[in-house]
Amino acid sequence: MTIPQVAVENLDVVSQLKGKLKDVIDYQAVDARAKANDYKTYKRFFGGLANEQLRNKFEKAYAGFDDEDWKKIQLWQQLSEAQLIL
């Protein structure tokens, strides 16, 4: 069974609806709040862990977690909340 691609078949309607949503939702503000919340949650639950403990948690939680992923986590940890939402 295939799912019909309603959006692809009605691009004009999609465009109109997106415009109406933008009138009532500030996507940038919503994104900024979500990023700030993610950062606070991360700091709350993982901020106090030693690097070795933290890396072990990531390796257990994410298949294929590697050195490149770890570098990204380390860089992200160094950012302040204000830097994340810019």
N, C-alpha and C. Protein backbone atom coordinates (compact mmCIF):
# COMPACT_ATOMS: atom_id res chain seq x y z
N MET A 1 0.84 -1.18 0.00
CA MET A 1 0.00 0.00 0.00
C MET A 1 0.88 1.24 0.00
N THR A 2 0.64 2.15 -0.89
CA THR A 2 1.41 3.38 -0.94
C THR A 2 0.60 4.52 -0.31
N ILE A 3 1.33 5.42 0.29
CA ILE A 3 0.70 6.59 0.90
C ILE A 3 0.72 7.72 -0.12
N PRO A 4 -0.44 8.29 -0.40
CA PRO A 4 -0.45 9.39 -1.38
C PRO A 4 0.34 10.60 -0.88
N GLN A 5 1.04 11.23 -1.78
CA GLN A 5 1.84 12.41 -1.46
C GLN A 5 0.98 13.66 -1.65
N VAL A 6 0.13 13.88 -0.69
CA VAL A 6 -0.85 14.97 -0.79
C VAL A 6 -0.16 16.32 -0.94
N ALA A 7 0.90 16.56 -0.17
CA ALA A 7 1.59 17.85 -0.23
C ALA A 7 2.19 18.08 -1.62
N VAL A 8 2.81 17.06 -2.18
CA VAL A 8 3.43 17.19 -3.50
C VAL A 8 2.38 17.47 -4.57
N GLU A 9 1.22 16.90 -4.38
CA GLU A 9 0.15 17.06 -5.36
C GLU A 9 -0.62 18.38 -5.19
N ASN A 10 -0.37 19.10 -4.11
CA ASN A 10 -1.09 20.34 -3.82
C ASN A 10 -0.15 21.43 -3.33
N LEU A 11 0.87 21.70 -4.10
CA LEU A 11 1.90 22.66 -3.69
C LEU A 11 1.33 24.05 -3.42
N ASP A 12 0.33 24.46 -4.17
CA ASP A 12 -0.27 25.77 -3.95
C ASP A 12 -0.93 25.86 -2.57
N VAL A 13 -1.61 24.81 -2.16
CA VAL A 13 -2.25 24.78 -0.85
C VAL A 13 -1.19 24.76 0.25
N VAL A 14 -0.13 23.99 0.05
CA VAL A 14 0.97 23.93 1.02
C VAL A 14 1.57 25.32 1.20
N SER A 15 1.79 26.01 0.12
CA SER A 15 2.36 27.36 0.18
C SER A 15 1.45 28.31 0.96
N GLN A 16 0.17 28.25 0.69
CA GLN A 16 -0.80 29.11 1.40
C GLN A 16 -0.81 28.80 2.90
N LEU A 17 -0.82 27.52 3.25
CA LEU A 17 -0.85 27.13 4.65
C LEU A 17 0.43 27.53 5.38
N LYS A 18 1.57 27.39 4.70
CA LYS A 18 2.83 27.82 5.31
C LYS A 18 2.80 29.31 5.61
N GLY A 19 2.26 30.07 4.67
CA GLY A 19 2.15 31.52 4.87
C GLY A 19 1.28 31.86 6.07
N LYS A 20 0.18 31.16 6.21
CA LYS A 20 -0.72 31.41 7.35
C LYS A 20 -0.04 31.03 8.67
N LEU A 21 0.70 29.92 8.66
CA LEU A 21 1.40 29.52 9.88
C LEU A 21 2.46 30.54 10.28
N LYS A 22 3.18 31.06 9.30
CA LYS A 22 4.22 32.05 9.60
C LYS A 22 3.64 33.32 10.21
N ASP A 23 2.37 33.59 9.92
CA ASP A 23 1.72 34.75 10.50
C ASP A 23 1.46 34.57 12.00
N VAL A 24 1.35 33.34 12.46
CA VAL A 24 1.01 33.09 13.86
C VAL A 24 2.13 32.40 14.66
N ILE A 25 3.13 31.86 13.97
CA ILE A 25 4.22 31.15 14.65
C ILE A 25 5.55 31.75 14.23
N ASP A 26 6.33 32.13 15.21
CA ASP A 26 7.68 32.62 14.96
C ASP A 26 8.62 31.42 15.04
N TYR A 27 8.94 30.86 13.88
CA TYR A 27 9.75 29.64 13.83
C TYR A 27 11.12 29.81 14.48
N GLN A 28 11.73 30.98 14.29
CA GLN A 28 13.04 31.22 14.88
C GLN A 28 12.96 31.21 16.41
N ALA A 29 11.91 31.81 16.96
CA ALA A 29 11.75 31.84 18.41
C ALA A 29 11.49 30.45 18.97
N VAL A 30 10.67 29.68 18.26
CA VAL A 30 10.39 28.31 18.70
C VAL A 30 11.66 27.48 18.67
N ASP A 31 12.44 27.61 17.61
CA ASP A 31 13.71 26.88 17.49
C ASP A 31 14.67 27.28 18.61
N ALA A 32 14.75 28.57 18.90
CA ALA A 32 15.64 29.05 19.96
C ALA A 32 15.24 28.49 21.32
N ARG A 33 13.94 28.48 21.59
CA ARG A 33 13.47 27.92 22.87
C ARG A 33 13.78 26.43 22.96
N ALA A 34 13.60 25.71 21.87
CA ALA A 34 13.88 24.27 21.86
C ALA A 34 15.37 24.02 22.11
N LYS A 35 16.23 24.78 21.46
CA LYS A 35 17.68 24.61 21.66
C LYS A 35 18.07 24.93 23.09
N ALA A 36 17.51 26.00 23.65
CA ALA A 36 17.82 26.36 25.03
C ALA A 36 17.36 25.27 25.99
N ASN A 37 16.19 24.72 25.73
CA ASN A 37 15.67 23.64 26.57
C ASN A 37 16.57 22.40 26.48
N ASP A 38 16.98 22.06 25.27
CA ASP A 38 17.88 20.91 25.08
C ASP A 38 19.18 21.10 25.86
N TYR A 39 19.72 22.30 25.79
CA TYR A 39 20.98 22.60 26.45
C TYR A 39 20.83 22.49 27.97
N LYS A 40 19.75 23.07 28.50
CA LYS A 40 19.51 23.01 29.94
C LYS A 40 19.33 21.56 30.40
N THR A 41 18.60 20.79 29.63
CA THR A 41 18.38 19.39 29.98
C THR A 41 19.69 18.62 29.96
N TYR A 42 20.48 18.84 28.93
CA TYR A 42 21.79 18.19 28.83
C TYR A 42 22.65 18.54 30.05
N LYS A 43 22.75 19.83 30.34
CA LYS A 43 23.57 20.26 31.47
C LYS A 43 23.07 19.66 32.78
N ARG A 44 21.76 19.59 32.94
CA ARG A 44 21.18 19.07 34.18
C ARG A 44 21.54 17.60 34.40
N PHE A 45 21.40 16.80 33.36
CA PHE A 45 21.57 15.36 33.52
C PHE A 45 22.98 14.85 33.22
N PHE A 46 23.72 15.57 32.40
CA PHE A 46 25.03 15.07 31.98
C PHE A 46 26.18 16.02 32.27
N GLY A 47 25.89 17.24 32.66
CA GLY A 47 26.92 18.25 32.85
C GLY A 47 27.95 17.91 33.91
N GLY A 48 27.57 17.12 34.90
CA GLY A 48 28.50 16.79 35.98
C GLY A 48 29.30 15.52 35.77
N LEU A 49 29.09 14.86 34.64
CA LEU A 49 29.81 13.60 34.40
C LEU A 49 31.23 13.85 33.90
N ALA A 50 32.13 12.99 34.31
CA ALA A 50 33.49 13.02 33.77
C ALA A 50 33.42 12.62 32.29
N ASN A 51 34.39 13.06 31.52
CA ASN A 51 34.39 12.77 30.08
C ASN A 51 34.28 11.28 29.77
N GLU A 52 35.01 10.47 30.53
CA GLU A 52 34.98 9.02 30.28
C GLU A 52 33.58 8.45 30.50
N GLN A 53 32.93 8.88 31.58
CA GLN A 53 31.57 8.41 31.85
C GLN A 53 30.61 8.87 30.76
N LEU A 54 30.75 10.11 30.36
CA LEU A 54 29.86 10.67 29.34
C LEU A 54 30.03 9.94 28.01
N ARG A 55 31.27 9.74 27.62
CA ARG A 55 31.51 9.05 26.35
C ARG A 55 30.95 7.63 26.41
N ASN A 56 31.13 6.94 27.51
CA ASN A 56 30.56 5.59 27.65
C ASN A 56 29.05 5.60 27.49
N LYS A 57 28.41 6.59 28.06
CA LYS A 57 26.95 6.69 27.93
C LYS A 57 26.55 6.86 26.46
N PHE A 58 27.26 7.74 25.76
CA PHE A 58 26.95 7.96 24.34
C PHE A 58 27.20 6.70 23.52
N GLU A 59 28.30 6.01 23.80
CA GLU A 59 28.63 4.80 23.04
C GLU A 59 27.58 3.71 23.26
N LYS A 60 27.04 3.62 24.47
CA LYS A 60 26.00 2.63 24.75
C LYS A 60 24.67 3.01 24.13
N ALA A 61 24.40 4.32 24.05
CA ALA A 61 23.09 4.78 23.57
C ALA A 61 23.02 4.87 22.05
N TYR A 62 24.15 5.12 21.38
CA TYR A 62 24.13 5.38 19.94
C TYR A 62 25.08 4.43 19.21
N ALA A 63 24.52 3.53 18.44
CA ALA A 63 25.33 2.61 17.64
C ALA A 63 26.20 3.42 16.67
N GLY A 64 27.47 3.10 16.61
CA GLY A 64 28.36 3.78 15.68
C GLY A 64 28.95 5.08 16.20
N PHE A 65 28.68 5.40 17.46
CA PHE A 65 29.25 6.61 18.04
C PHE A 65 30.77 6.51 17.97
N ASP A 66 31.41 7.54 17.40
CA ASP A 66 32.86 7.46 17.17
C ASP A 66 33.58 8.74 17.60
N ASP A 67 34.86 8.82 17.27
CA ASP A 67 35.67 9.97 17.67
C ASP A 67 35.15 11.28 17.09
N GLU A 68 34.66 11.24 15.87
CA GLU A 68 34.12 12.46 15.26
C GLU A 68 32.88 12.94 16.02
N ASP A 69 32.03 12.02 16.41
CA ASP A 69 30.86 12.36 17.21
C ASP A 69 31.29 12.96 18.55
N TRP A 70 32.28 12.35 19.15
CA TRP A 70 32.78 12.82 20.44
C TRP A 70 33.32 14.24 20.34
N LYS A 71 34.01 14.55 19.24
CA LYS A 71 34.52 15.91 19.04
C LYS A 71 33.36 16.92 18.98
N LYS A 72 32.29 16.54 18.31
CA LYS A 72 31.12 17.43 18.22
C LYS A 72 30.52 17.67 19.60
N ILE A 73 30.43 16.63 20.40
CA ILE A 73 29.89 16.76 21.75
C ILE A 73 30.78 17.68 22.58
N GLN A 74 32.07 17.51 22.48
CA GLN A 74 32.98 18.35 23.25
C GLN A 74 32.86 19.82 22.86
N LEU A 75 32.76 20.08 21.57
CA LEU A 75 32.59 21.47 21.12
C LEU A 75 31.27 22.05 21.62
N TRP A 76 30.22 21.26 21.52
CA TRP A 76 28.89 21.70 21.95
C TRP A 76 28.87 22.01 23.44
N GLN A 77 29.57 21.21 24.24
CA GLN A 77 29.63 21.42 25.69
C GLN A 77 30.25 22.77 26.03
N GLN A 78 31.15 23.23 25.20
CA GLN A 78 31.86 24.47 25.49
C GLN A 78 31.05 25.72 25.16
N LEU A 79 29.98 25.54 24.43
CA LEU A 79 29.15 26.68 24.07
C LEU A 79 28.30 27.10 25.27
N SER A 80 27.98 28.37 25.28
CA SER A 80 27.05 28.84 26.30
C SER A 80 25.64 28.75 25.71
N GLU A 81 24.65 28.84 26.55
CA GLU A 81 23.27 28.79 26.09
C GLU A 81 23.00 29.90 25.07
N ALA A 82 23.54 31.07 25.32
CA ALA A 82 23.34 32.20 24.41
C ALA A 82 23.92 31.93 23.03
N GLN A 83 25.07 31.26 22.96
CA GLN A 83 25.68 30.94 21.67
C GLN A 83 24.85 29.94 20.88
N LEU A 84 24.18 29.05 21.57
CA LEU A 84 23.39 28.02 20.89
C LEU A 84 22.17 28.59 20.19
N ILE A 85 21.61 29.63 20.70
CA ILE A 85 20.34 30.11 20.15
C ILE A 85 20.50 31.27 19.20
N LEU A 86 21.72 31.63 18.87
CA LEU A 86 21.95 32.71 17.90
C LEU A 86 21.75 32.22 16.49
